[in-house]
Amino acid sequence: MRTIDLRGRRLSPADMLAAVPRAAQARAEALETAARIVDGVRTGGEAALRDQAERFDRVTGHDIRVPEAHIAEALAALTPQIRTALEEAIRRVRQASAAQVPETRVTQIGDGALITQRWQPVNRVGVYIPGGKAVYPSSVIMNVVPAQVAGVTEIALASPPQADQGGRVHPVILAAAGLLGITEIYAMGGAGAIGAFAWGVSDLDLDPVDVISGPGNNYVASAKRAVAGVVGTDSEAGATEILIVADSSANARLVAADLVSQAEHDEQASAVLVTDDADLAQRVAVEVSARAETSLHRERIGVALSGPQSAIVLVDDRAMAAAFSNAYAPEHLELHLEDAQEAAAAFTSAGAIFVGEQTPVSLGDYMAGSNHVLPTGGQARYAPGLGAYTYLRPQQVISYDHAALAAVREGIVALSNVEVLPAHGEAVEARFQDDAQGTATL
């Protein structure tokens, strides 16, 4: 991992953003490629999806629409240990997601003047579950459960066909979907799946969705950007990121373990340590190197850790660490600090914050009850992670009676005239013509 030394420098917010380690070129190339793939599905439908499956997944002649028999087989083959773990994860995520659904509230502005704030679920959701370098049944739970809690009535799921499974979706992903009652599943991956959800594929009886959610690599994240405006999407949950802020109290072995745990996802993964303790930085670097060498995915980890998106960042103090972290806005933020609970308030931009050395990102990936589909690429500065609210639309329902409208009649007319939109005021005045006629008759 390279070292970025920011000590002794006074950095403006723009300078801090410029110092953030990112693989910008890779993201730019991914956007161009993803846009082409998405457009190919829009114009080519099933044929384009099959061509992409052959090129990217080495699969031909497979069932793109997964037969329900495959789901049943996967459920039957699920080991008791994995089934128990999935069911417990479902329970925890369902419990935490329920807190994300706001209650309907009625505000009485005046006599006969009511505004009801309600949260309406979208009708149809497309969930994407990656399946290239790893298997993610946990992502099935993280996407489907909040949608169900929100009240979504139609949920379709897509995941890449697996060459070693005869072109089927990985059985553990199918089993997780089966546990949640999902039967509309498609064996299609990457940016093509995002395009299929956005535009629909008539040959497969796949209807367009209202919202697309789910994590993936930078191509999946870029595909979401390519379909923005056609459908709603969650934040661009691209290649994973972890940023750890640590002080002299931190355990170098645990910090290294957590950095490596996220680097094993993908060569594009980002692993960043921010610390004001140069000795800790050195010890972590040694631990990371040793741990990476013995890992199952050491080649992938090595590429991720040596890339421009990963670094050890040296800062002067806690305030500088917080400023850097908030500029970076990581997907996952871990605080290995002596006073982590109190310090957390200063760290305001992150997809999820893991407080203290006993709260690793791996906990959030599986069993914390929190959601692991989180914004990457700095989007946590303005975008939330996935939740039940992702599938909800806030709506205001307005109800005024005649007397309540009369109370604001003059104000509406005055404002419509100053904006030179007289028909607005006339629409209100039309509701009082009968009143005026009745007065004249008397």
Protein backbone atom coordinates (compact mmCIF):
# COMPACT_ATOMS: atom_id res chain seq x y z
CA MET A 1 0.00 0.00 0.00
CA ARG A 2 1.27 3.45 -0.86
CA THR A 3 1.55 6.20 1.73
CA ILE A 4 -0.02 9.66 1.44
CA ASP A 5 1.53 12.07 3.95
CA LEU A 6 -0.73 15.04 4.66
CA ARG A 7 1.03 16.10 7.85
CA GLY A 8 2.00 19.74 8.19
CA ARG A 9 -0.29 20.88 5.38
CA ARG A 10 -3.26 23.22 5.57
CA LEU A 11 -5.78 21.80 3.17
CA SER A 12 -8.95 23.45 1.89
CA PRO A 13 -12.01 21.25 1.27
CA ALA A 14 -11.06 21.17 -2.42
CA ASP A 15 -7.48 20.18 -1.55
CA MET A 16 -8.78 17.43 0.71
CA LEU A 17 -10.98 16.06 -2.07
CA ALA A 18 -8.02 16.11 -4.44
CA ALA A 19 -5.96 14.11 -1.95
CA VAL A 20 -8.52 11.31 -1.76
CA PRO A 21 -7.25 8.08 -3.37
CA ARG A 22 -9.56 6.98 -6.17
CA ALA A 23 -9.23 5.00 -9.39
CA ALA A 24 -10.93 7.71 -11.46
CA GLN A 25 -9.82 6.41 -14.84
CA ALA A 26 -11.28 2.98 -14.17
CA ARG A 27 -14.65 4.53 -13.33
CA ALA A 28 -14.62 6.68 -16.49
CA GLU A 29 -13.89 3.66 -18.68
CA ALA A 30 -16.57 1.63 -16.88
CA LEU A 31 -19.21 4.29 -17.61
CA GLU A 32 -18.50 4.27 -21.35
CA THR A 33 -18.52 0.47 -21.55
CA ALA A 34 -21.62 0.08 -19.38
CA ALA A 35 -23.58 2.57 -21.49
CA ARG A 36 -22.86 0.51 -24.62
CA ILE A 37 -23.94 -2.72 -22.94
CA VAL A 38 -27.15 -1.19 -21.62
CA ASP A 39 -28.01 0.22 -25.03
CA GLY A 40 -27.34 -3.18 -26.57
CA VAL A 41 -29.98 -4.75 -24.35
CA ARG A 42 -32.43 -1.94 -25.06
CA THR A 43 -32.22 -2.59 -28.79
CA GLY A 44 -31.33 -6.29 -28.88
CA GLY A 45 -33.31 -7.77 -25.99
CA GLU A 46 -32.78 -11.46 -25.31
CA ALA A 47 -30.26 -11.89 -28.13
CA ALA A 48 -28.04 -9.21 -26.60
CA LEU A 49 -28.28 -10.84 -23.16
CA ARG A 50 -27.25 -14.20 -24.61
CA ASP A 51 -24.33 -12.64 -26.44
CA GLN A 52 -23.20 -10.95 -23.23
CA ALA A 53 -23.55 -14.21 -21.27
CA GLU A 54 -21.29 -15.95 -23.78
CA ARG A 55 -18.68 -13.15 -23.73
CA PHE A 56 -18.60 -12.37 -20.02
CA ASP A 57 -19.86 -15.52 -18.29
CA ARG A 58 -18.80 -18.24 -20.77
CA VAL A 59 -22.37 -19.57 -20.84
CA THR A 60 -24.60 -20.48 -23.78
CA GLY A 61 -28.07 -21.99 -24.20
CA HIS A 62 -29.09 -21.42 -20.57
CA ASP A 63 -32.52 -20.60 -19.14
CA ILE A 64 -32.47 -16.84 -18.67
CA ARG A 65 -35.82 -16.97 -16.86
CA VAL A 66 -35.09 -19.37 -14.01
CA PRO A 67 -37.60 -22.25 -13.76
CA GLU A 68 -39.23 -22.51 -10.34
CA ALA A 69 -38.01 -26.11 -10.16
CA HIS A 70 -34.44 -24.80 -9.93
CA ILE A 71 -35.39 -22.70 -6.91
CA ALA A 72 -37.03 -25.68 -5.21
CA GLU A 73 -33.96 -27.84 -5.88
CA ALA A 74 -31.67 -25.19 -4.41
CA LEU A 75 -33.80 -24.89 -1.28
CA ALA A 76 -33.83 -28.66 -0.81
CA ALA A 77 -30.05 -28.81 -1.12
CA LEU A 78 -29.39 -26.01 1.38
CA THR A 79 -27.45 -27.23 4.42
CA PRO A 80 -29.11 -26.73 7.82
CA GLN A 81 -26.23 -24.52 8.99
CA ILE A 82 -26.49 -22.12 6.03
CA ARG A 83 -30.29 -22.11 6.19
CA THR A 84 -30.21 -21.18 9.87
CA ALA A 85 -27.72 -18.40 9.23
CA LEU A 86 -29.78 -17.00 6.35
CA GLU A 87 -33.00 -17.12 8.36
CA GLU A 88 -31.36 -15.29 11.26
CA ALA A 89 -29.96 -12.65 8.92
CA ILE A 90 -33.43 -12.22 7.39
CA ARG A 91 -34.94 -11.75 10.85
CA ARG A 92 -32.38 -9.12 11.84
CA VAL A 93 -32.57 -7.13 8.61
CA ARG A 94 -36.37 -7.22 8.67
CA GLN A 95 -36.37 -5.88 12.22
CA ALA A 96 -33.95 -3.04 11.42
CA SER A 97 -35.68 -2.18 8.14
CA ALA A 98 -39.03 -1.73 9.86
CA ALA A 99 -37.61 1.36 11.58
CA GLN A 100 -37.07 2.94 8.15
CA VAL A 101 -40.75 3.19 7.22
CA PRO A 102 -42.14 6.53 8.40
CA GLU A 103 -45.64 6.69 9.81
CA THR A 104 -48.37 8.56 7.96
CA ARG A 105 -48.80 12.00 9.52
CA VAL A 106 -51.71 14.41 9.17
CA THR A 107 -51.04 18.12 9.66
CA GLN A 108 -53.97 20.48 10.24
CA ILE A 109 -52.92 23.80 8.72
CA GLY A 110 -56.21 25.40 9.77
CA ASP A 111 -59.90 24.61 10.07
CA GLY A 112 -60.79 22.36 7.13
CA ALA A 113 -57.20 22.46 5.81
CA LEU A 114 -55.35 19.15 5.98
CA ILE A 115 -52.10 17.85 4.54
CA THR A 116 -51.40 14.14 4.88
CA GLN A 117 -47.79 13.01 4.51
CA ARG A 118 -47.71 9.41 3.34
CA TRP A 119 -45.02 7.08 2.02
CA GLN A 120 -46.12 5.06 -0.99
CA PRO A 121 -44.16 1.99 -2.17
CA VAL A 122 -43.24 1.63 -5.81
CA ASN A 123 -45.01 -1.19 -7.60
CA ARG A 124 -42.10 -3.13 -9.12
CA VAL A 125 -38.44 -3.53 -8.16
CA GLY A 126 -35.49 -5.17 -9.90
CA VAL A 127 -32.84 -6.52 -7.54
CA TYR A 128 -29.33 -7.22 -8.82
CA ILE A 129 -27.13 -9.76 -7.04
CA PRO A 130 -23.50 -9.97 -8.23
CA GLY A 131 -21.92 -13.35 -8.80
CA GLY A 132 -18.60 -12.98 -10.55
CA LYS A 133 -15.80 -13.41 -8.01
CA ALA A 134 -17.91 -14.43 -5.01
CA VAL A 135 -21.36 -15.64 -4.02
CA TYR A 136 -23.65 -13.16 -2.27
CA PRO A 137 -26.79 -14.70 -0.74
CA SER A 138 -26.47 -11.99 1.91
CA SER A 139 -27.13 -9.39 -0.80
CA VAL A 140 -30.40 -11.15 -1.64
CA ILE A 141 -31.51 -10.50 1.93
CA MET A 142 -30.21 -6.92 1.99
CA ASN A 143 -32.21 -5.99 -1.12
CA VAL A 144 -35.36 -8.07 -0.91
CA VAL A 145 -36.22 -7.68 2.77
CA PRO A 146 -36.35 -3.84 2.78
CA ALA A 147 -38.46 -3.91 -0.38
CA GLN A 148 -40.88 -6.33 1.26
CA VAL A 149 -40.97 -4.21 4.42
CA ALA A 150 -41.74 -1.15 2.28
CA GLY A 151 -44.73 -2.96 0.76
CA VAL A 152 -43.44 -3.58 -2.78
CA THR A 153 -45.73 -6.08 -4.50
CA GLU A 154 -43.48 -7.24 -7.40
CA ILE A 155 -39.81 -8.11 -6.89
CA ALA A 156 -37.68 -9.54 -9.70
CA LEU A 157 -34.12 -10.71 -9.13
CA ALA A 158 -31.16 -11.09 -11.48
CA SER A 159 -27.79 -12.72 -10.97
CA PRO A 160 -25.17 -13.91 -13.47
CA PRO A 161 -25.36 -17.42 -14.92
CA GLN A 162 -22.52 -19.59 -13.62
CA ALA A 163 -20.46 -21.64 -16.03
CA ASP A 164 -19.66 -24.21 -13.32
CA GLN A 165 -23.39 -24.58 -12.59
CA GLY A 166 -24.43 -25.33 -16.16
CA GLY A 167 -25.59 -21.78 -16.76
CA ARG A 168 -27.77 -21.63 -13.67
CA VAL A 169 -27.76 -18.91 -11.05
CA HIS A 170 -25.69 -20.02 -8.08
CA PRO A 171 -27.84 -22.37 -5.97
CA VAL A 172 -27.24 -20.56 -2.67
CA ILE A 173 -28.53 -17.33 -4.22
CA LEU A 174 -31.56 -19.21 -5.53
CA ALA A 175 -32.11 -20.73 -2.10
CA ALA A 176 -31.93 -17.34 -0.36
CA ALA A 177 -34.48 -15.99 -2.85
CA GLY A 178 -36.66 -19.03 -2.25
CA LEU A 179 -36.62 -18.45 1.51
CA LEU A 180 -37.99 -14.97 0.81
CA GLY A 181 -40.66 -16.17 -1.61
CA ILE A 182 -39.06 -14.68 -4.73
CA THR A 183 -39.90 -16.67 -7.87
CA GLU A 184 -39.22 -14.19 -10.70
CA ILE A 185 -35.48 -14.72 -11.19
CA TYR A 186 -33.28 -14.16 -14.23
CA ALA A 187 -29.86 -15.59 -15.03
CA MET A 188 -28.28 -12.43 -16.37
CA GLY A 189 -25.42 -10.37 -15.08
CA GLY A 190 -23.59 -7.08 -15.02
CA ALA A 191 -24.60 -3.96 -16.89
CA GLY A 192 -26.83 -6.04 -19.18
CA ALA A 193 -29.04 -7.02 -16.28
CA ILE A 194 -29.42 -3.38 -15.29
CA GLY A 195 -30.45 -2.52 -18.86
CA ALA A 196 -32.93 -5.40 -18.95
CA PHE A 197 -34.60 -4.23 -15.75
CA ALA A 198 -34.76 -0.64 -16.98
CA TRP A 199 -36.15 -1.29 -20.46
CA GLY A 200 -37.78 -4.71 -20.08
CA VAL A 201 -37.28 -7.68 -22.40
CA SER A 202 -40.47 -8.69 -24.19
CA ASP A 203 -39.04 -12.02 -25.36
CA LEU A 204 -38.64 -13.04 -21.71
CA ASP A 205 -41.90 -11.47 -20.50
CA LEU A 206 -39.70 -9.27 -18.34
CA ASP A 207 -41.53 -6.03 -17.62
CA PRO A 208 -39.62 -2.83 -16.82
CA VAL A 209 -39.22 -2.05 -13.14
CA ASP A 210 -39.69 1.18 -11.23
CA VAL A 211 -36.53 0.95 -9.10
CA ILE A 212 -33.29 -1.01 -9.51
CA SER A 213 -31.20 -1.82 -6.48
CA GLY A 214 -28.20 -3.94 -5.60
CA PRO A 215 -24.42 -3.86 -5.44
CA GLY A 216 -21.88 -4.78 -8.08
CA ASN A 217 -18.61 -3.73 -9.60
CA ASN A 218 -17.94 -0.37 -11.26
CA TYR A 219 -19.68 -1.54 -14.45
CA VAL A 220 -22.90 -2.25 -12.57
CA ALA A 221 -22.66 1.10 -10.78
CA SER A 222 -22.04 2.85 -14.09
CA ALA A 223 -24.98 1.06 -15.71
CA LYS A 224 -27.24 2.53 -13.04
CA ARG A 225 -26.01 5.96 -14.04
CA ALA A 226 -26.73 5.12 -17.68
CA VAL A 227 -30.40 4.33 -16.92
CA ALA A 228 -30.97 7.21 -14.50
CA GLY A 229 -34.13 9.02 -15.49
CA VAL A 230 -35.59 5.88 -17.03
CA VAL A 231 -35.96 4.17 -13.65
CA GLY A 232 -35.08 4.99 -10.10
CA THR A 233 -31.94 3.47 -8.63
CA ASP A 234 -30.34 3.16 -5.26
CA SER A 235 -26.98 4.84 -4.81
CA GLU A 236 -24.20 3.49 -7.01
CA ALA A 237 -22.93 0.64 -4.87
CA GLY A 238 -19.82 -0.14 -6.89
CA ALA A 239 -16.51 -1.75 -5.96
CA THR A 240 -16.25 -1.92 -2.19
CA GLU A 241 -14.45 0.63 -0.01
CA ILE A 242 -13.21 0.54 3.56
CA LEU A 243 -11.65 3.47 5.38
CA ILE A 244 -10.30 2.90 8.89
CA VAL A 245 -9.48 5.79 11.19
CA ALA A 246 -7.14 4.59 13.94
CA ASP A 247 -5.11 6.10 16.73
CA SER A 248 -2.26 4.79 18.91
CA SER A 249 -4.69 2.60 20.87
CA ALA A 250 -5.58 0.54 17.81
CA ASN A 251 -4.62 -3.12 17.35
CA ALA A 252 -2.56 -3.28 14.14
CA ARG A 253 -3.49 -6.93 13.60
CA LEU A 254 -7.23 -6.18 13.65
CA VAL A 255 -6.86 -3.11 11.43
CA ALA A 256 -4.92 -5.17 8.89
CA ALA A 257 -7.45 -8.00 9.00
CA ASP A 258 -10.28 -5.60 8.22
CA LEU A 259 -8.44 -3.90 5.36
CA VAL A 260 -7.68 -7.27 3.77
CA SER A 261 -11.25 -8.50 4.32
CA GLN A 262 -12.61 -5.88 1.95
CA ALA A 263 -9.73 -6.04 -0.51
CA GLU A 264 -10.60 -9.68 -1.22
CA HIS A 265 -13.85 -8.63 -2.90
CA ASP A 266 -12.38 -7.32 -6.13
CA GLU A 267 -9.24 -5.94 -7.75
CA GLN A 268 -11.01 -2.56 -7.80
CA ALA A 269 -11.70 -2.61 -4.04
CA SER A 270 -10.40 0.31 -1.99
CA ALA A 271 -8.68 -0.10 1.38
CA VAL A 272 -7.56 3.05 3.21
CA LEU A 273 -6.07 3.61 6.67
CA VAL A 274 -6.03 7.12 8.14
CA THR A 275 -3.95 7.65 11.25
CA ASP A 276 -1.94 10.24 13.15
CA ASP A 277 0.40 7.52 14.48
CA ALA A 278 3.26 6.77 12.09
CA ASP A 279 4.35 3.77 14.17
CA LEU A 280 0.88 2.21 13.89
CA ALA A 281 0.91 2.86 10.14
CA GLN A 282 4.17 0.95 9.78
CA ARG A 283 2.96 -1.97 11.88
CA VAL A 284 -0.30 -2.18 9.91
CA ALA A 285 1.61 -2.20 6.62
CA VAL A 286 3.65 -5.18 7.82
CA GLU A 287 0.55 -7.01 9.05
CA VAL A 288 -1.35 -6.34 5.80
CA SER A 289 1.50 -7.69 3.70
CA ALA A 290 1.79 -10.86 5.77
CA ARG A 291 -1.95 -11.47 5.89
CA ALA A 292 -2.43 -10.81 2.16
CA GLU A 293 0.27 -13.33 1.27
CA THR A 294 -1.50 -16.17 3.05
CA SER A 295 -5.04 -15.34 1.93
CA LEU A 296 -7.00 -17.54 -0.45
CA HIS A 297 -7.47 -14.57 -2.79
CA ARG A 298 -3.94 -13.15 -2.43
CA GLU A 299 -3.59 -12.20 -6.10
CA ARG A 300 -6.85 -10.24 -6.11
CA ILE A 301 -5.98 -8.65 -2.76
CA GLY A 302 -2.52 -7.70 -3.99
CA VAL A 303 -3.93 -5.87 -7.00
CA ALA A 304 -6.47 -4.01 -4.87
CA LEU A 305 -3.97 -2.95 -2.22
CA SER A 306 -1.35 -1.81 -4.73
CA GLY A 307 -3.83 0.17 -6.83
CA PRO A 308 -4.26 3.94 -6.73
CA GLN A 309 -7.51 3.52 -4.78
CA SER A 310 -5.77 2.13 -1.67
CA ALA A 311 -3.39 3.93 0.70
CA ILE A 312 -2.17 4.64 4.20
CA VAL A 313 -2.84 8.30 4.92
CA LEU A 314 -0.84 10.12 7.62
CA VAL A 315 -2.53 13.11 9.23
CA ASP A 316 -1.66 15.56 12.00
CA ASP A 317 -4.53 14.91 14.39
CA ARG A 318 -8.09 13.72 14.93
CA ALA A 319 -9.63 16.82 13.33
CA MET A 320 -7.63 16.27 10.15
CA ALA A 321 -8.59 12.59 10.14
CA ALA A 322 -12.28 13.49 10.38
CA ALA A 323 -11.95 16.10 7.62
CA PHE A 324 -10.25 13.59 5.33
CA SER A 325 -12.80 10.87 6.08
CA ASN A 326 -15.72 13.21 5.46
CA ALA A 327 -14.18 14.29 2.14
CA TYR A 328 -13.60 10.67 1.12
CA ALA A 329 -17.14 9.66 2.27
CA PRO A 330 -16.36 5.93 2.35
CA GLU A 331 -18.81 3.13 1.86
CA HIS A 332 -17.62 1.55 5.12
CA LEU A 333 -15.98 3.57 7.90
CA GLU A 334 -14.39 1.86 10.89
CA LEU A 335 -13.32 3.83 13.97
CA HIS A 336 -10.48 2.15 15.88
CA LEU A 337 -10.18 4.96 18.38
CA GLU A 338 -9.79 5.03 22.13
CA ASP A 339 -12.94 7.15 22.44
CA ALA A 340 -14.72 5.76 19.38
CA GLN A 341 -18.27 6.20 20.67
CA GLU A 342 -17.78 9.90 21.42
CA ALA A 343 -15.67 10.50 18.32
CA ALA A 344 -18.30 9.09 15.95
CA ALA A 345 -20.27 12.35 15.97
CA ALA A 346 -17.52 14.12 13.99
CA PHE A 347 -17.63 11.56 11.17
CA THR A 348 -20.70 12.60 9.20
CA SER A 349 -20.17 11.24 5.67
CA ALA A 350 -20.13 7.46 5.32
CA GLY A 351 -22.41 4.74 4.04
CA ALA A 352 -22.22 2.98 7.41
CA ILE A 353 -20.07 3.62 10.47
CA PHE A 354 -18.63 0.74 12.50
CA VAL A 355 -17.70 1.96 15.97
CA GLY A 356 -14.92 0.30 17.95
CA GLU A 357 -12.58 -2.60 17.25
CA GLN A 358 -15.27 -5.21 18.01
CA THR A 359 -17.51 -3.94 15.19
CA PRO A 360 -15.88 -5.02 11.91
CA VAL A 361 -17.40 -4.43 8.49
CA SER A 362 -17.85 -8.21 8.20
CA LEU A 363 -20.49 -7.95 10.92
CA GLY A 364 -22.45 -5.49 8.78
CA ASP A 365 -21.97 -7.68 5.72
CA TYR A 366 -23.94 -10.48 7.30
CA MET A 367 -25.48 -10.32 10.76
CA ALA A 368 -25.58 -6.81 12.23
CA GLY A 369 -29.10 -6.19 10.95
CA SER A 370 -27.89 -3.10 9.10
CA ASN A 371 -27.85 -3.02 5.30
CA HIS A 372 -24.64 -3.67 3.40
CA VAL A 373 -25.72 -2.11 0.09
CA LEU A 374 -24.04 1.28 0.48
CA PRO A 375 -22.93 4.23 -1.66
CA THR A 376 -19.39 4.22 -3.06
CA GLY A 377 -17.22 6.68 -4.96
CA GLY A 378 -17.85 9.54 -2.53
CA GLN A 379 -21.62 9.45 -2.89
CA ALA A 380 -22.07 9.03 0.85
CA ARG A 381 -21.61 12.80 1.04
CA TYR A 382 -25.18 13.12 -0.26
CA ALA A 383 -26.71 9.66 -0.75
CA PRO A 384 -27.92 7.05 1.77
CA GLY A 385 -27.39 3.33 1.85
CA LEU A 386 -30.15 0.96 0.83
CA GLY A 387 -33.18 0.77 3.08
CA ALA A 388 -36.94 0.43 3.02
CA TYR A 389 -37.04 4.14 2.11
CA THR A 390 -35.29 3.32 -1.19
CA TYR A 391 -38.56 1.83 -2.40
CA LEU A 392 -40.86 4.49 -0.95
CA ARG A 393 -42.08 7.75 -2.46
CA PRO A 394 -43.10 10.50 -0.08
CA GLN A 395 -46.42 12.00 -1.15
CA GLN A 396 -48.42 14.89 0.22
CA VAL A 397 -52.19 14.52 0.04
CA ILE A 398 -53.91 17.90 0.29
CA SER A 399 -57.53 18.37 1.38
CA TYR A 400 -59.15 21.83 1.84
CA ASP A 401 -62.83 22.55 2.26
CA HIS A 402 -64.55 25.66 0.87
CA ALA A 403 -64.06 27.78 3.96
CA ALA A 404 -60.39 26.84 4.23
CA LEU A 405 -59.83 27.80 0.58
CA ALA A 406 -61.63 31.10 1.19
CA ALA A 407 -59.18 31.91 3.98
CA VAL A 408 -56.24 31.91 1.53
CA ARG A 409 -58.14 33.10 -1.56
CA GLU A 410 -56.77 36.65 -1.60
CA GLY A 411 -53.19 35.48 -1.07
CA ILE A 412 -53.35 33.03 -3.97
CA VAL A 413 -54.73 35.68 -6.31
CA ALA A 414 -52.09 38.20 -5.23
CA LEU A 415 -49.21 35.78 -5.77
CA SER A 416 -50.56 34.55 -9.11
CA ASN A 417 -50.80 38.13 -10.34
CA VAL A 418 -47.26 39.04 -9.28
CA GLU A 419 -46.00 35.94 -11.10
CA VAL A 420 -48.06 36.96 -14.15
CA LEU A 421 -50.00 33.72 -14.05
CA PRO A 422 -53.54 35.11 -13.72
CA ALA A 423 -55.27 31.84 -14.65
CA HIS A 424 -53.95 30.39 -11.39
CA GLY A 425 -55.90 32.95 -9.44
CA GLU A 426 -58.92 32.61 -11.72
CA ALA A 427 -59.04 28.87 -10.97
CA VAL A 428 -59.54 29.76 -7.31
CA GLU A 429 -62.00 32.59 -8.01
CA ALA A 430 -64.12 30.19 -10.10
CA ARG A 431 -64.95 28.32 -6.90
CA PHE A 432 -66.56 31.43 -5.41
CA GLN A 433 -68.72 32.49 -8.37
CA ASP A 434 -71.75 30.67 -6.98
CA ASP A 435 -71.21 32.47 -3.66
CA ALA A 436 -71.22 35.87 -5.42
CA GLN A 437 -74.34 35.00 -7.44
CA GLY A 438 -76.16 33.89 -4.33
CA THR A 439 -75.33 37.15 -2.56
CA ALA A 440 -76.55 39.22 -5.56
CA THR A 441 -79.87 37.34 -5.63
CA LEU A 442 -80.50 38.02 -1.97
